[in-house]
Amino acid sequence: MPKLRTHRGAAKRFKITGGGKILRVKAYKSHILTKKSAKQKRRLGNYTEVSSADYKKIKRLLGR
């Protein structure tokens, strides 16, 4: 059985913390920012944890 290769698209989108959590960037922060409030844009700038439903799939894509 060959080694699992890391999915390069997933590797650019997700980070794994020291504790093993998978973090992702929130959506809606790339364009059309003029109509969004400063508060909304500030919240969108933070990382958030991946949902438990997607955790297993993303972990496999990252070769873990």
C-alpha atoms as a PDB file:
ATOM      1  CA  MET A   1       0.000   0.000   0.000  1.00  0.00           C
ATOM      2  CA  PRO A   2       1.538   3.351  -0.980  1.00  0.00           C
ATOM      3  CA  LYS A   3       1.770   6.318   1.349  1.00  0.00           C
ATOM      4  CA  LEU A   4      -1.211   8.664   1.544  1.00  0.00           C
ATOM      5  CA  ARG A   5      -0.498  11.945  -0.173  1.00  0.00           C
ATOM      6  CA  THR A   6      -1.610  15.200   1.409  1.00  0.00           C
ATOM      7  CA  HIS A   7      -4.397  16.936  -0.526  1.00  0.00           C
ATOM      8  CA  ARG A   8      -2.635  20.213  -1.345  1.00  0.00           C
ATOM      9  CA  GLY A   9      -5.879  22.221  -1.604  1.00  0.00           C
ATOM     10  CA  ALA A  10      -6.907  21.096   1.875  1.00  0.00           C
ATOM     11  CA  ALA A  11      -3.418  21.746   3.291  1.00  0.00           C
ATOM     12  CA  LYS A  12      -3.699  25.406   2.252  1.00  0.00           C
ATOM     13  CA  ARG A  13      -7.132  25.809   3.871  1.00  0.00           C
ATOM     14  CA  PHE A  14      -6.780  24.037   7.233  1.00  0.00           C
ATOM     15  CA  LYS A  15      -4.363  24.177  10.169  1.00  0.00           C
ATOM     16  CA  ILE A  16      -3.892  21.533  12.852  1.00  0.00           C
ATOM     17  CA  THR A  17      -3.252  22.766  16.387  1.00  0.00           C
ATOM     18  CA  GLY A  18      -0.911  21.131  18.868  1.00  0.00           C
ATOM     19  CA  GLY A  19      -3.907  19.548  20.578  1.00  0.00           C
ATOM     20  CA  GLY A  20      -5.122  17.978  17.339  1.00  0.00           C
ATOM     21  CA  LYS A  21      -7.995  20.343  16.547  1.00  0.00           C
ATOM     22  CA  ILE A  22      -8.484  21.361  12.913  1.00  0.00           C
ATOM     23  CA  LEU A  23      -9.005  25.077  12.268  1.00  0.00           C
ATOM     24  CA  ARG A  24     -10.480  26.773   9.223  1.00  0.00           C
ATOM     25  CA  VAL A  25     -10.920  30.366   8.051  1.00  0.00           C
ATOM     26  CA  LYS A  26     -14.466  31.715   8.022  1.00  0.00           C
ATOM     27  CA  ALA A  27     -16.203  32.458   4.730  1.00  0.00           C
ATOM     28  CA  TYR A  28     -17.502  35.821   3.386  1.00  0.00           C
ATOM     29  CA  LYS A  29     -14.322  37.840   4.042  1.00  0.00           C
ATOM     30  CA  SER A  30     -12.930  38.010   0.495  1.00  0.00           C
ATOM     31  CA  HIS A  31     -14.981  40.653  -1.343  1.00  0.00           C
ATOM     32  CA  ILE A  32     -18.022  42.966  -1.170  1.00  0.00           C
ATOM     33  CA  LEU A  33     -16.773  44.224   2.187  1.00  0.00           C
ATOM     34  CA  THR A  34     -18.210  47.752   1.945  1.00  0.00           C
ATOM     35  CA  LYS A  35     -21.717  46.698   2.988  1.00  0.00           C
ATOM     36  CA  LYS A  36     -20.486  44.590   5.921  1.00  0.00           C
ATOM     37  CA  SER A  37     -20.083  46.199   9.332  1.00  0.00           C
ATOM     38  CA  ALA A  38     -16.696  46.498  11.013  1.00  0.00           C
ATOM     39  CA  LYS A  39     -17.938  44.154  13.735  1.00  0.00           C
ATOM     40  CA  GLN A  40     -18.873  41.481  11.187  1.00  0.00           C
ATOM     41  CA  LYS A  41     -15.542  41.789   9.357  1.00  0.00           C
ATOM     42  CA  ARG A  42     -13.654  41.549  12.653  1.00  0.00           C
ATOM     43  CA  ARG A  43     -15.469  38.327  13.585  1.00  0.00           C
ATOM     44  CA  LEU A  44     -14.858  36.847  10.132  1.00  0.00           C
ATOM     45  CA  GLY A  45     -11.127  37.402  10.544  1.00  0.00           C
ATOM     46  CA  ASN A  46     -10.830  34.754  13.260  1.00  0.00           C
ATOM     47  CA  TYR A  47     -10.196  31.050  12.855  1.00  0.00           C
ATOM     48  CA  THR A  48     -12.878  28.605  13.936  1.00  0.00           C
ATOM     49  CA  GLU A  49     -12.880  24.897  14.614  1.00  0.00           C
ATOM     50  CA  VAL A  50     -14.077  22.482  11.919  1.00  0.00           C
ATOM     51  CA  SER A  51     -17.442  20.847  12.652  1.00  0.00           C
ATOM     52  CA  SER A  52     -17.456  17.312  13.990  1.00  0.00           C
ATOM     53  CA  ALA A  53     -19.305  16.102  10.858  1.00  0.00           C
ATOM     54  CA  ASP A  54     -16.394  17.133   8.605  1.00  0.00           C
ATOM     55  CA  TYR A  55     -13.531  16.323  10.974  1.00  0.00           C
ATOM     56  CA  LYS A  56     -12.928  12.741   9.798  1.00  0.00           C
ATOM     57  CA  LYS A  57     -12.947  13.659   6.079  1.00  0.00           C
ATOM     58  CA  ILE A  58     -10.576  16.600   6.509  1.00  0.00           C
ATOM     59  CA  LYS A  59      -8.215  14.592   8.707  1.00  0.00           C
ATOM     60  CA  ARG A  60      -7.938  12.011   5.912  1.00  0.00           C
ATOM     61  CA  LEU A  61      -7.297  14.713   3.280  1.00  0.00           C
ATOM     62  CA  LEU A  62      -4.478  16.073   5.429  1.00  0.00           C
ATOM     63  CA  GLY A  63      -2.878  12.625   5.607  1.00  0.00           C
ATOM     64  CA  ARG A  64      -3.314  12.181   9.350  1.00  0.00           C
END
